[in-house]
N, C-alpha and C. Protein backbone atom coordinates (compact mmCIF):
# COMPACT_ATOMS: atom_id res chain seq x y z
N MET A 1 18.61 111.19 130.05
CA MET A 1 19.02 110.98 131.43
C MET A 1 19.82 109.67 131.56
N LYS A 2 19.38 108.64 130.82
CA LYS A 2 20.09 107.36 130.89
C LYS A 2 21.52 107.50 130.36
N THR A 3 21.69 108.29 129.31
CA THR A 3 23.03 108.50 128.75
C THR A 3 23.93 109.20 129.75
N LEU A 4 23.38 110.15 130.46
CA LEU A 4 24.16 110.86 131.47
C LEU A 4 24.58 109.93 132.60
N LEU A 5 23.68 109.07 133.05
CA LEU A 5 24.02 108.12 134.11
C LEU A 5 25.03 107.08 133.62
N LYS A 6 24.88 106.66 132.35
CA LYS A 6 25.81 105.69 131.79
C LYS A 6 27.21 106.28 131.71
N THR A 7 27.30 107.54 131.30
CA THR A 7 28.59 108.21 131.21
C THR A 7 29.22 108.38 132.58
N ARG A 8 28.41 108.68 133.57
CA ARG A 8 28.91 108.87 134.93
C ARG A 8 29.43 107.57 135.52
N LYS A 9 28.79 106.45 135.21
CA LYS A 9 29.20 105.17 135.77
C LYS A 9 30.40 104.58 135.06
N ASN A 10 30.69 105.02 133.85
CA ASN A 10 31.81 104.48 133.09
C ASN A 10 33.10 105.14 133.56
N GLU A 11 33.78 104.50 134.50
CA GLU A 11 35.00 105.05 135.08
C GLU A 11 36.25 104.30 134.64
N VAL A 12 36.09 103.31 133.77
CA VAL A 12 37.22 102.50 133.34
C VAL A 12 38.22 103.34 132.57
N GLY A 13 37.76 104.17 131.67
CA GLY A 13 38.64 105.02 130.89
C GLY A 13 39.39 106.01 131.75
N ALA A 14 38.70 106.59 132.71
CA ALA A 14 39.34 107.56 133.61
C ALA A 14 40.42 106.88 134.44
N THR A 15 40.17 105.68 134.88
CA THR A 15 41.15 104.96 135.68
C THR A 15 42.40 104.67 134.85
N ALA A 16 42.21 104.27 133.61
CA ALA A 16 43.35 104.00 132.74
C ALA A 16 44.18 105.26 132.52
N ILE A 17 43.52 106.38 132.34
CA ILE A 17 44.24 107.64 132.16
C ILE A 17 45.01 107.99 133.43
N GLU A 18 44.40 107.79 134.58
CA GLU A 18 45.08 108.08 135.85
C GLU A 18 46.32 107.21 136.02
N TYR A 19 46.19 105.93 135.71
CA TYR A 19 47.35 105.05 135.81
C TYR A 19 48.44 105.46 134.83
N GLY A 20 48.05 105.90 133.65
CA GLY A 20 49.02 106.38 132.68
C GLY A 20 49.76 107.61 133.17
N LEU A 21 49.04 108.54 133.79
CA LEU A 21 49.68 109.74 134.34
C LEU A 21 50.62 109.40 135.49
N ILE A 22 50.21 108.47 136.33
CA ILE A 22 51.08 108.05 137.44
C ILE A 22 52.35 107.40 136.90
N ALA A 23 52.20 106.55 135.89
CA ALA A 23 53.37 105.89 135.29
C ALA A 23 54.30 106.92 134.65
N ALA A 24 53.73 107.94 134.02
CA ALA A 24 54.56 108.97 133.40
C ALA A 24 55.32 109.76 134.46
N LEU A 25 54.68 110.10 135.56
CA LEU A 25 55.35 110.84 136.63
C LEU A 25 56.46 110.02 137.26
N ILE A 26 56.20 108.73 137.47
CA ILE A 26 57.22 107.85 138.03
C ILE A 26 58.41 107.75 137.06
N SER A 27 58.12 107.66 135.78
CA SER A 27 59.19 107.59 134.77
C SER A 27 60.05 108.84 134.78
N VAL A 28 59.42 110.00 134.89
CA VAL A 28 60.17 111.25 134.95
C VAL A 28 61.07 111.28 136.18
N GLY A 29 60.55 110.81 137.31
CA GLY A 29 61.34 110.75 138.54
C GLY A 29 62.54 109.82 138.40
N ILE A 30 62.31 108.67 137.79
CA ILE A 30 63.40 107.70 137.61
C ILE A 30 64.46 108.27 136.66
N ILE A 31 64.03 108.89 135.57
CA ILE A 31 64.97 109.46 134.62
C ILE A 31 65.80 110.56 135.28
N THR A 32 65.16 111.38 136.08
CA THR A 32 65.88 112.45 136.78
C THR A 32 66.91 111.88 137.75
N ALA A 33 66.51 110.86 138.51
CA ALA A 33 67.43 110.25 139.47
C ALA A 33 68.60 109.58 138.78
N VAL A 34 68.34 108.86 137.71
CA VAL A 34 69.41 108.16 136.99
C VAL A 34 70.38 109.17 136.36
N THR A 35 69.85 110.26 135.84
CA THR A 35 70.72 111.29 135.26
C THR A 35 71.61 111.91 136.33
N ALA A 36 71.05 112.20 137.50
CA ALA A 36 71.84 112.79 138.58
C ALA A 36 72.92 111.82 139.06
N VAL A 37 72.56 110.56 139.23
CA VAL A 37 73.53 109.56 139.68
C VAL A 37 74.60 109.36 138.61
N GLY A 38 74.21 109.35 137.35
CA GLY A 38 75.18 109.18 136.26
C GLY A 38 76.18 110.31 136.22
N THR A 39 75.72 111.53 136.43
CA THR A 39 76.63 112.69 136.44
C THR A 39 77.59 112.60 137.61
N ASN A 40 77.08 112.26 138.79
CA ASN A 40 77.95 112.13 139.96
C ASN A 40 78.95 110.99 139.78
N LEU A 41 78.50 109.90 139.21
CA LEU A 41 79.38 108.76 138.99
C LEU A 41 80.47 109.10 137.99
N SER A 42 80.11 109.85 136.98
CA SER A 42 81.10 110.29 135.99
C SER A 42 82.16 111.17 136.65
N ASN A 43 81.74 112.06 137.55
CA ASN A 43 82.69 112.91 138.27
C ASN A 43 83.62 112.09 139.15
N VAL A 44 83.08 111.07 139.81
CA VAL A 44 83.90 110.21 140.67
C VAL A 44 84.94 109.47 139.84
N PHE A 45 84.53 108.89 138.72
CA PHE A 45 85.48 108.17 137.88
C PHE A 45 86.53 109.10 137.30
N GLY A 46 86.14 110.32 136.97
CA GLY A 46 87.12 111.30 136.48
C GLY A 46 88.14 111.64 137.54
N SER A 47 87.70 111.79 138.78
CA SER A 47 88.60 112.08 139.88
C SER A 47 89.56 110.92 140.13
N VAL A 48 89.03 109.71 140.13
CA VAL A 48 89.87 108.53 140.33
C VAL A 48 90.89 108.41 139.20
N SER A 49 90.46 108.66 137.99
CA SER A 49 91.35 108.58 136.84
C SER A 49 92.49 109.60 136.93
N SER A 50 92.16 110.83 137.28
CA SER A 50 93.21 111.84 137.39
C SER A 50 94.16 111.53 138.54
N THR A 51 93.65 110.99 139.63
CA THR A 51 94.50 110.61 140.75
C THR A 51 95.45 109.48 140.35
N LEU A 52 94.94 108.51 139.62
CA LEU A 52 95.79 107.41 139.17
C LEU A 52 96.84 107.89 138.17
N LEU A 53 96.47 108.82 137.30
CA LEU A 53 97.45 109.35 136.36
C LEU A 53 98.56 110.11 137.06
N LYS A 54 98.19 110.88 138.10
CA LYS A 54 99.20 111.61 138.87
C LYS A 54 100.13 110.64 139.59
N ALA A 55 99.55 109.58 140.15
CA ALA A 55 100.35 108.61 140.88
C ALA A 55 101.28 107.84 139.95
N SER A 56 100.81 107.52 138.76
CA SER A 56 101.66 106.75 137.83
C SER A 56 102.78 107.63 137.25
N SER A 57 102.51 108.92 137.05
CA SER A 57 103.57 109.78 136.51
C SER A 57 104.59 110.17 137.57
N ALA A 58 104.18 110.18 138.85
CA ALA A 58 105.09 110.53 139.93
C ALA A 58 106.05 109.36 140.23
N GLY A 59 105.61 108.14 139.98
CA GLY A 59 106.42 106.97 140.34
C GLY A 59 107.25 106.48 139.26
């Protein structure tokens, strides 16, 4: 019975695992956001580049 109560009161390991899972989920969210922004930014720079090339060849 004492072992069962000791195991029930030991919540330090569970808390560390929970924090690890939260950190992993936040990391996945950040990676997803950065990837989306990077793709959009790449498209914007490509558009600006093609516009500048058209303007320089026309002039």
